[in-house]
């Protein structure tokens, strides 16, 4: 089955038509210093290939990518790549601040979930398959649907909101801690919807945290009045030596408690509220839990702490870069961010991040952008990268499961650690899933498999694309490298690979010109991608400088 939007919804990947009355994001927020934004002019001054690498670093951070063919005008060939647009960065900013209409969102959701006339998911007509089990201990749909929306929504504020919410729900600040016995998938669904709704509405950071502190999802993680206060200091203020303050906060909150498992882990009151003011954090007197929440939400340490907690996922934390990271944080805080969108914009559009930061990619940041740049179609039913791909990423019985990489989503009490797990077992599972399930699987990228649409090599009728057919072997190798690694092959790589293809009879000489033999394009792609999958740089966001 093929899934296509009506023409009115498929105009452009980057610049969406929108209703002037729709809410817009905060793309006008600008930070200075270390967090100063990369300008369109500075972006355009980069060589074309570096522009493409930076473009995919920006989009890849949001689990998306742009293919070689979509980014470059291919008419001049691989030797003289020219970007189609001179406004990519500005267009992307505009798109990420522009909401789709409700009609557009419904159209995409209908494709993703096969919604029927009553708005209920219909797996028979859905592009993706999600968990449908009713057992709260095993139904992971609430983990899967966000990934599908990030993948399928066009580059827009709607996609951006879901991605920001996905990042935040995996931090210690908002983790629903599904691994705990007092939580379940209802907490995941409620927390995610809470984040999406508030970020979409532009709710200030302080207000979001003030609203989250008394929530059932937060109490199910903290579980006792004293620990509830302690975690409020730690999570949102970054204060970790608060034994006396936590004790006093527990006294203020003693009217509240979490019931037992038998009673469903619900918030209840004792009817014996505290009446004696408690001094916390040196200067604040509180009497009840609402007072505690007000102090936390208004505290001057809150915005710096939130900025740090988010930045940790984009700039690797190490003992020798603490001053540098503090400069980055201070630059953002000094600019007065009010929303989470302000902070995310400041980080991912900064010159520092786009040109200078090098860090490991998470599995989502690697796999999902490749789905875009390799023109993957779930209808190809390519093993584990099929319509159940996001289900497999959250299941326990798949090689692609995030839990096997130490990177499970919405699960850990302390959230995901900022550093991508690179221990032997975690990275072996990561590498194996990317290499074997995607890059060595022809149908995941070549096109025309099992009724799938056009891919990287073939059209929907399984005919070689004219742009690929006319490429000489060296250009074809560059095309494959650019598609997967965002750079051309080095001279040594090209020489060695072409010699291998000659030995395997994948190329032949016709009228003194070496050409790819008919029917061997997929063989060359598989070998090239196998080589690329073994390069450390495939697993990193690289620095230009």
Foldseek 3Di string as FASTA:
>chain_A
DDADFPPQLPDDLQAHDADPPAAWDPLVQAFDDQLGFDDLVNLLVDPPLLNQLLQLLLVLVLLAHAALVRQWDCPVHLVDTDGPDSCSPVSLSRQLGADHDPVSVVSQVCQAQVQDPVRDGDVVRHLFDAFDDPDQLAGPRLQQVLLSCLQRPRSHNLNVQSSLLQLVCQALLNQLACQDPLGTVVLSNVSSVLSSVCVSVVPFPLVSQLVPLPDLSLCSLQFAQLSSLQSLCCNQQVDNPFNVQSVLSRLQAVQWGFDDVVVRRGIHGPVDGFDDWDDHPNPATGRHNNSSSVCSSPPPRRQLSVLLRSVCQQAPDDPPCPVVVVSLSCRQVVSPDTHPSSSVSSQSRGPCRSAPGKAFDALSSQPSNLLNRLVFRLLLVQDCSHSHVSVLCCDDPHLNDQVQLVQHGSHRNNGRRSHRDPPPRNVVSSLCCCLVRAQLGLSRRCELHNQGAHGNAAGVVRHGDPSQQPDALQSLQQSLCCSQPSGGDDPVVSVVLVVVCVVVVQWDADPNGIHGDPPNSSVSSNVSSNVVSPDPSSRMSDHND
